[in-house]
Amino acid sequence: MSTPRDYYDILGVERTASAEEIKRAYRRLVKQYHPDIYKGPDADQRIKEINEAYEVLSSPEKRAAYDRFGHAGLQGAPDMGGAGFPDLGDLFSEFFGGFGFRTGPQRGPIRGADLRYNLTIEFEEAVLGAEKEIEIERDEVCPRCQGVGAEPGTTPIRCPTCNGTGEVRQRQQTLLGTLVNVTTCPRCRGEGEIVTTPCQQCRGERMVTMPRRLRVKIPPGVDEGTRIRLPNEGNMGMRGGPSGNLYVFISVKPHKYFRRHEDDLLLELPINVAQAVLGAEVQVPTLDGPRTVKIPPGTQPGKVIRLRGLGVPHLRGNGRGDLLITVNVQIPTQLTDEQRRLFEQLAVSLSGGHSGERSEGSFFERMKDALGL
């Protein structure tokens, strides 16, 4: 004869557990090992053990006798009439909404599905904003049958399987009583009606896929991966449910000259040696049109010139970032004879010597002429 299992082990609680802890453990186990959930061959035995353990440990008198004498202390113990045993109706009302289970979708309004559209725009459009026209395909209520699913002039009939309720109920006897399992009717799929003559356009599906053209406003300052939400432009809902949303995901083409860092624009400006040494005024491109930039004399490679307010508009706020121009001094790789002679004179001059020819001012004038400035 096997030794009975310890009641505290069955419920998974300590011997010092409070009455509330024992109650919570019991409810958890009843739900876990309910026959409609737990399909093991020992399901009935487990439920029997759980009920027996809880009946003892939920009663102060029986628990005291069990703690003192073990299983022997319960021999001949008076029947407590279920004292301390919870009402199963309350228990399953808490877990499952009553004596039964309900699966499958409920009849009522159904929200339409959300849609996604990938939109590629130009760099300038991302910075300055734009309005684009797109075409999507979405599910809409069938215009021929108005969402009924039946060919005009005919009407659906009540489903004979569920008698129009959209649900099928199955009763099952268990150790805990009679349980009712409620599932969606497999014949009408929860509609309660059967279409005997399907609509020729939607074939009884009530919805059709149709193209739709929309205009999308691109706010200034969007970037790669920005998501724009168009409310109620997704698939239409069923049974009066709301439409889903359309989400437009932005991709931005690279620009020939500009790069972007957050809300600043970056531009590399190539200049020659004479412009870096002598200074100059050059025109640079911006997204707002060409601008004249003054190159100070003695400008070093890598110098950054900032043009404020010519960057990217702040997507969430006022103002714009800046245009950051990085000066790139280009060193010539091929020289004419005149240019080489002038650079040789410059090398002598910078090393502290002298060429014996014209003054320094005259030399730089000739250098500018030789470089075509």
Protein backbone atom coordinates (compact mmCIF):
# COMPACT_ATOMS: atom_id res chain seq x y z
CA MET A 1 0.00 0.00 0.00
CA SER A 2 1.58 3.27 -1.13
CA THR A 3 2.15 6.09 1.34
CA PRO A 4 -0.24 9.04 0.74
CA ARG A 5 1.42 12.19 -0.56
CA ASP A 6 1.92 15.13 1.75
CA TYR A 7 -0.92 17.62 1.32
CA TYR A 8 1.43 20.60 1.48
CA ASP A 9 3.53 19.10 -1.34
CA ILE A 10 0.41 18.51 -3.43
CA LEU A 11 -0.54 22.20 -3.22
CA GLY A 12 3.08 23.36 -3.47
CA VAL A 13 3.04 25.49 -0.30
CA GLU A 14 5.10 25.66 2.87
CA ARG A 15 3.75 24.22 6.12
CA THR A 16 3.62 27.79 7.45
CA ALA A 17 1.47 29.01 4.54
CA SER A 18 -1.46 31.24 5.39
CA ALA A 19 -5.05 30.35 4.56
CA GLU A 20 -4.99 32.87 1.69
CA GLU A 21 -1.79 31.36 0.25
CA ILE A 22 -3.35 27.89 0.37
CA LYS A 23 -6.48 29.19 -1.35
CA ARG A 24 -4.45 30.87 -4.14
CA ALA A 25 -2.38 27.71 -4.67
CA TYR A 26 -5.53 25.58 -4.90
CA ARG A 27 -7.15 27.87 -7.46
CA ARG A 28 -4.01 27.92 -9.57
CA LEU A 29 -3.77 24.12 -9.60
CA VAL A 30 -7.46 23.59 -10.37
CA LYS A 31 -7.09 25.83 -13.39
CA GLN A 32 -3.81 24.17 -14.46
CA TYR A 33 -5.10 20.58 -14.24
CA HIS A 34 -8.66 21.11 -15.40
CA PRO A 35 -9.59 18.22 -17.77
CA ASP A 36 -10.27 20.62 -20.65
CA ILE A 37 -6.74 22.02 -20.33
CA TYR A 38 -4.58 19.21 -18.95
CA LYS A 39 -4.79 16.10 -21.16
CA GLY A 40 -2.49 13.82 -19.18
CA PRO A 41 -3.66 10.30 -18.30
CA ASP A 42 -3.47 11.18 -14.58
CA ALA A 43 -5.78 14.21 -14.87
CA ASP A 44 -8.56 12.70 -12.72
CA GLN A 45 -6.10 11.52 -10.07
CA ARG A 46 -4.45 14.95 -9.85
CA ILE A 47 -7.78 16.76 -9.44
CA LYS A 48 -8.79 14.25 -6.75
CA GLU A 49 -5.53 14.83 -4.84
CA ILE A 50 -5.79 18.61 -5.13
CA ASN A 51 -9.38 18.62 -3.85
CA GLU A 52 -8.52 16.26 -0.98
CA ALA A 53 -5.50 18.34 0.07
CA TYR A 54 -7.44 21.58 -0.03
CA GLU A 55 -10.39 20.15 1.91
CA VAL A 56 -8.06 19.29 4.75
CA LEU A 57 -5.76 22.35 4.73
CA SER A 58 -8.61 24.86 4.31
CA SER A 59 -10.27 23.61 7.51
CA PRO A 60 -8.57 24.86 10.71
CA GLU A 61 -9.66 21.74 12.64
CA LYS A 62 -8.55 19.23 10.01
CA ARG A 63 -5.31 21.11 9.34
CA ALA A 64 -4.44 21.12 13.06
CA ALA A 65 -5.05 17.37 13.28
CA TYR A 66 -3.03 16.75 10.13
CA ASP A 67 -0.13 18.91 11.33
CA ARG A 68 -0.01 17.00 14.62
CA PHE A 69 -0.65 13.41 13.61
CA GLY A 70 -0.33 13.37 9.78
CA HIS A 71 -2.76 11.28 7.76
CA ALA A 72 -3.48 9.16 10.85
CA GLY A 73 -4.93 12.19 12.57
CA LEU A 74 -7.69 12.35 9.95
CA GLN A 75 -8.93 8.80 10.49
CA GLY A 76 -12.48 9.00 11.79
CA ALA A 77 -12.48 12.80 11.60
CA PRO A 78 -16.03 14.11 11.39
CA ASP A 79 -17.26 15.23 7.97
CA MET A 80 -17.18 19.00 7.97
CA GLY A 81 -19.91 19.19 5.37
CA GLY A 82 -17.55 20.88 2.98
CA ALA A 83 -16.63 23.57 5.51
CA GLY A 84 -14.02 25.85 4.05
CA PHE A 85 -14.42 24.32 0.56
CA PRO A 86 -15.05 27.04 -2.05
CA ASP A 87 -18.15 27.06 -4.15
CA LEU A 88 -17.15 25.71 -7.57
CA GLY A 89 -19.57 28.02 -9.28
CA ASP A 90 -17.73 31.04 -7.86
CA LEU A 91 -14.38 29.48 -8.68
CA PHE A 92 -15.14 28.88 -12.37
CA SER A 93 -16.94 32.19 -12.64
CA GLU A 94 -13.68 33.81 -11.64
CA PHE A 95 -11.55 31.73 -14.01
CA PHE A 96 -13.78 31.14 -17.00
CA GLY A 97 -16.84 33.40 -16.73
CA GLY A 98 -19.10 30.59 -15.46
CA PHE A 99 -19.33 26.81 -15.73
CA GLY A 100 -17.72 26.60 -19.13
CA PHE A 101 -15.17 27.83 -21.60
CA ARG A 102 -15.62 30.17 -24.52
CA THR A 103 -13.27 30.09 -27.49
CA GLY A 104 -13.22 31.78 -30.87
CA PRO A 105 -14.22 35.27 -31.95
CA GLN A 106 -17.30 36.97 -30.56
CA ARG A 107 -20.00 38.33 -32.82
CA GLY A 108 -19.89 42.09 -33.09
CA PRO A 109 -17.98 44.89 -34.81
CA ILE A 110 -14.52 43.93 -36.09
CA ARG A 111 -11.86 46.60 -36.68
CA GLY A 112 -10.16 46.57 -40.07
CA ALA A 113 -6.51 45.59 -40.39
CA ASP A 114 -3.74 48.20 -40.54
CA LEU A 115 -1.79 48.58 -43.78
CA ARG A 116 1.81 49.55 -44.56
CA TYR A 117 3.11 51.50 -47.56
CA ASN A 118 6.80 52.12 -48.29
CA LEU A 119 7.41 55.54 -49.87
CA THR A 120 10.77 56.68 -51.26
CA ILE A 121 11.27 60.45 -51.57
CA GLU A 122 14.02 62.82 -52.66
CA PHE A 123 16.46 64.29 -50.16
CA GLU A 124 15.07 67.79 -50.75
CA GLU A 125 11.52 66.58 -50.14
CA ALA A 126 12.52 65.10 -46.79
CA VAL A 127 14.13 68.37 -45.71
CA LEU A 128 11.66 70.89 -47.09
CA GLY A 129 8.45 68.82 -47.11
CA ALA A 130 6.24 67.74 -49.99
CA GLU A 131 2.90 66.27 -50.93
CA LYS A 132 2.91 62.91 -52.69
CA GLU A 133 0.20 60.87 -54.34
CA ILE A 134 0.22 57.14 -53.68
CA GLU A 135 -1.96 54.20 -54.69
CA ILE A 136 -2.78 51.38 -52.30
CA GLU A 137 -4.98 48.31 -52.39
CA ARG A 138 -7.27 47.78 -49.43
CA ASP A 139 -10.28 45.69 -48.44
CA GLU A 140 -13.58 47.53 -48.72
CA VAL A 141 -17.21 46.56 -48.32
CA CYS A 142 -18.40 44.90 -51.50
CA PRO A 143 -20.32 47.52 -53.50
CA ARG A 144 -22.50 44.89 -55.18
CA CYS A 145 -23.95 43.18 -52.08
CA GLN A 146 -23.22 46.00 -49.59
CA GLY A 147 -21.35 43.60 -47.34
CA VAL A 148 -24.14 41.02 -47.05
CA GLY A 149 -22.26 38.40 -49.04
CA ALA A 150 -25.36 37.25 -50.93
CA GLU A 151 -26.22 38.00 -54.53
CA PRO A 152 -28.62 40.98 -54.72
CA GLY A 153 -32.20 39.71 -54.69
CA THR A 154 -31.34 36.82 -52.36
CA THR A 155 -30.93 36.71 -48.61
CA PRO A 156 -28.82 34.54 -46.30
CA ILE A 157 -30.57 31.83 -44.27
CA ARG A 158 -30.26 31.07 -40.59
CA CYS A 159 -27.47 28.60 -39.87
CA PRO A 160 -29.09 25.24 -38.97
CA THR A 161 -26.04 24.11 -36.98
CA CYS A 162 -26.08 26.93 -34.41
CA ASN A 163 -29.66 28.12 -35.01
CA GLY A 164 -28.39 31.60 -35.77
CA THR A 165 -26.40 32.12 -32.55
CA GLY A 166 -22.98 31.75 -34.19
CA GLU A 167 -21.90 29.46 -31.34
CA VAL A 168 -21.87 25.74 -30.67
CA ARG A 169 -22.19 24.48 -27.09
CA GLN A 170 -20.86 21.14 -25.92
CA ARG A 171 -21.60 19.80 -22.44
CA GLN A 172 -19.10 17.60 -20.66
CA GLN A 173 -19.36 15.77 -17.35
CA THR A 174 -16.23 16.04 -15.18
CA LEU A 175 -15.35 15.52 -11.54
CA LEU A 176 -16.08 19.19 -11.01
CA GLY A 177 -19.56 19.01 -12.48
CA THR A 178 -21.09 19.79 -15.84
CA LEU A 179 -19.01 22.11 -17.96
CA VAL A 180 -20.13 23.84 -21.13
CA ASN A 181 -17.58 24.45 -23.88
CA VAL A 182 -18.67 27.29 -26.20
CA THR A 183 -16.95 27.52 -29.59
CA THR A 184 -17.52 29.42 -32.82
CA CYS A 185 -19.85 27.62 -35.17
CA PRO A 186 -17.65 25.91 -37.80
CA ARG A 187 -20.33 26.08 -40.48
CA CYS A 188 -21.18 29.80 -40.45
CA ARG A 189 -17.88 30.92 -38.82
CA GLY A 190 -19.76 32.79 -36.12
CA GLU A 191 -22.00 34.78 -38.45
CA GLY A 192 -25.21 32.94 -37.60
CA GLU A 193 -26.14 32.99 -41.29
CA ILE A 194 -25.28 30.95 -44.37
CA VAL A 195 -25.12 32.44 -47.85
CA THR A 196 -26.74 30.03 -50.29
CA THR A 197 -26.25 32.26 -53.36
CA PRO A 198 -22.88 34.05 -52.98
CA CYS A 199 -22.38 37.52 -54.44
CA GLN A 200 -20.77 37.30 -57.86
CA GLN A 201 -18.29 40.08 -57.07
CA CYS A 202 -17.01 39.14 -53.59
CA ARG A 203 -17.94 35.41 -53.78
CA GLY A 204 -19.63 35.65 -50.40
CA GLU A 205 -16.61 37.17 -48.60
CA ARG A 206 -18.43 40.50 -48.06
CA MET A 207 -15.21 42.41 -48.80
CA VAL A 208 -13.32 43.10 -52.03
CA THR A 209 -9.81 44.42 -52.62
CA MET A 210 -9.93 47.75 -54.44
CA PRO A 211 -7.28 50.31 -55.47
CA ARG A 212 -7.40 53.71 -53.82
CA ARG A 213 -5.38 56.85 -54.53
CA LEU A 214 -4.37 59.04 -51.60
CA ARG A 215 -2.38 62.23 -51.12
CA VAL A 216 0.21 62.08 -48.37
CA LYS A 217 1.55 65.27 -46.83
CA ILE A 218 5.24 64.93 -46.01
CA PRO A 219 6.12 67.35 -43.21
CA PRO A 220 9.48 69.16 -43.39
CA GLY A 221 12.23 67.40 -41.48
CA VAL A 222 11.29 63.73 -41.92
CA ASP A 223 14.15 61.25 -42.02
CA GLU A 224 14.85 57.67 -43.03
CA GLY A 225 12.37 55.37 -41.25
CA THR A 226 9.91 58.11 -40.27
CA ARG A 227 6.39 56.68 -40.00
CA ILE A 228 3.36 58.75 -41.03
CA ARG A 229 -0.04 57.54 -39.82
CA LEU A 230 -3.14 58.08 -41.94
CA PRO A 231 -6.13 57.29 -39.69
CA ASN A 232 -8.93 55.11 -41.05
CA GLU A 233 -7.21 54.56 -44.42
CA GLY A 234 -6.48 50.88 -43.80
CA ASN A 235 -8.78 47.96 -44.47
CA MET A 236 -12.44 48.65 -43.70
CA GLY A 237 -13.98 47.00 -40.65
CA MET A 238 -16.77 44.44 -40.60
CA ARG A 239 -20.17 44.58 -38.92
CA GLY A 240 -19.85 48.31 -38.45
CA GLY A 241 -16.35 48.16 -37.02
CA PRO A 242 -13.89 51.01 -37.64
CA SER A 243 -11.34 50.95 -40.44
CA GLY A 244 -7.69 50.30 -39.71
CA ASN A 245 -4.90 52.81 -40.21
CA LEU A 246 -2.43 53.23 -43.05
CA TYR A 247 1.21 53.63 -42.01
CA VAL A 248 3.53 55.23 -44.57
CA PHE A 249 7.22 54.42 -43.94
CA ILE A 250 9.65 56.93 -45.44
CA SER A 251 12.88 56.11 -47.26
CA VAL A 252 15.12 58.99 -48.40
CA LYS A 253 17.36 58.95 -51.47
CA PRO A 254 20.96 60.12 -50.92
CA HIS A 255 21.95 63.57 -52.20
CA LYS A 256 24.78 64.36 -54.58
CA TYR A 257 26.34 67.00 -52.33
CA PHE A 258 24.68 66.99 -48.90
CA ARG A 259 24.70 64.59 -46.01
CA ARG A 260 22.56 64.83 -42.92
CA HIS A 261 23.45 64.66 -39.24
CA GLU A 262 20.28 64.99 -37.16
CA ASP A 263 18.98 68.45 -38.12
CA ASP A 264 22.24 69.76 -39.61
CA LEU A 265 23.30 69.48 -43.25
CA LEU A 266 26.92 68.69 -44.08
CA LEU A 267 28.70 69.90 -47.23
CA GLU A 268 32.32 69.53 -48.37
CA LEU A 269 33.68 72.58 -50.22
CA PRO A 270 36.80 72.04 -52.36
CA ILE A 271 39.08 75.09 -52.78
CA ASN A 272 42.59 75.44 -54.21
CA VAL A 273 45.77 76.42 -52.41
CA ALA A 274 45.69 80.05 -53.51
CA GLN A 275 42.11 80.49 -52.26
CA ALA A 276 43.07 78.99 -48.92
CA VAL A 277 46.14 81.24 -48.60
CA LEU A 278 44.77 84.48 -49.99
CA GLY A 279 41.11 84.13 -49.07
CA ALA A 280 38.22 84.28 -51.52
CA GLU A 281 34.47 84.56 -51.96
CA VAL A 282 32.89 81.46 -53.46
CA GLN A 283 29.35 80.37 -54.20
CA VAL A 284 28.08 77.23 -52.50
CA PRO A 285 24.85 75.30 -53.09
CA THR A 286 22.18 75.17 -50.41
CA LEU A 287 18.67 73.70 -50.46
CA ASP A 288 17.40 77.28 -50.42
CA GLY A 289 19.45 78.37 -53.42
CA PRO A 290 23.11 79.38 -53.90
CA ARG A 291 24.85 81.42 -51.20
CA THR A 292 28.15 83.37 -51.23
CA VAL A 293 30.65 82.22 -48.62
CA LYS A 294 33.72 84.21 -47.62
CA ILE A 295 36.89 82.14 -47.24
CA PRO A 296 39.21 83.93 -44.79
CA PRO A 297 42.91 84.23 -45.75
CA GLY A 298 44.99 81.42 -44.27
CA THR A 299 42.08 78.96 -44.11
CA GLN A 300 43.31 75.52 -43.00
CA PRO A 301 42.08 72.19 -44.41
CA GLY A 302 39.12 70.86 -42.41
CA LYS A 303 37.91 74.27 -41.27
CA VAL A 304 34.13 74.28 -40.73
CA ILE A 305 32.06 77.26 -41.79
CA ARG A 306 28.57 77.40 -40.29
CA LEU A 307 25.59 78.93 -42.11
CA ARG A 308 22.87 79.17 -39.50
CA GLY A 309 19.27 78.32 -40.31
CA LEU A 310 20.00 76.58 -43.63
CA GLY A 311 19.75 73.03 -42.29
CA VAL A 312 16.80 70.71 -41.68
CA PRO A 313 13.58 72.04 -40.11
CA HIS A 314 12.90 70.60 -36.66
CA LEU A 315 10.21 67.95 -37.14
CA ARG A 316 8.71 68.60 -33.71
CA GLY A 317 9.26 72.26 -33.05
CA ASN A 318 10.19 75.54 -34.68
CA GLY A 319 13.41 76.59 -36.38
CA ARG A 320 15.99 74.77 -38.46
CA GLY A 321 19.40 73.27 -38.07
CA ASP A 322 22.53 74.68 -39.70
CA LEU A 323 24.54 74.07 -42.86
CA LEU A 324 28.07 73.01 -41.89
CA ILE A 325 30.61 73.52 -44.68
CA THR A 326 33.91 71.65 -44.34
CA VAL A 327 36.71 73.26 -46.35
CA ASN A 328 38.77 70.77 -48.37
CA VAL A 329 41.99 72.31 -49.73
CA GLN A 330 42.89 70.54 -52.96
CA ILE A 331 46.58 70.11 -53.75
CA PRO A 332 47.28 70.19 -57.50
CA THR A 333 48.90 67.06 -58.89
CA GLN A 334 49.77 68.45 -62.33
CA LEU A 335 51.35 71.89 -62.85
CA THR A 336 52.25 73.93 -65.91
CA ASP A 337 55.77 75.24 -66.22
CA GLU A 338 54.63 78.70 -65.11
CA GLN A 339 52.78 77.29 -62.06
CA ARG A 340 55.79 75.19 -61.06
CA ARG A 341 58.14 78.22 -61.34
CA LEU A 342 55.83 80.29 -59.18
CA PHE A 343 55.57 77.56 -56.52
CA GLU A 344 59.35 77.30 -56.51
CA GLN A 345 59.58 81.03 -55.89
CA LEU A 346 56.99 80.64 -53.12
CA ALA A 347 59.00 77.82 -51.54
CA VAL A 348 62.13 80.04 -51.50
CA SER A 349 60.15 82.92 -50.08
CA LEU A 350 58.54 80.84 -47.32
CA SER A 351 61.94 79.38 -46.36
CA GLY A 352 63.35 82.84 -45.74
CA GLY A 353 65.23 83.29 -49.04
CA HIS A 354 64.43 85.63 -51.89
CA SER A 355 64.18 85.23 -55.63
CA GLY A 356 65.44 88.66 -56.59
CA GLU A 357 62.44 89.20 -58.77
CA ARG A 358 59.20 91.06 -58.10
CA SER A 359 57.73 92.04 -54.78
CA GLU A 360 55.63 89.61 -52.70
CA GLY A 361 52.42 91.37 -53.69
CA SER A 362 53.30 91.08 -57.33
CA PHE A 363 54.18 87.41 -56.81
CA PHE A 364 50.78 86.54 -55.38
CA GLU A 365 49.07 88.39 -58.19
CA ARG A 366 50.94 86.25 -60.66
CA MET A 367 50.09 83.13 -58.62
CA LYS A 368 46.40 83.97 -58.87
CA ASP A 369 46.72 84.53 -62.58
CA ALA A 370 48.55 81.25 -63.04
CA LEU A 371 45.85 79.33 -61.13
CA GLY A 372 43.10 81.03 -63.07
CA LEU A 373 41.65 83.02 -60.12
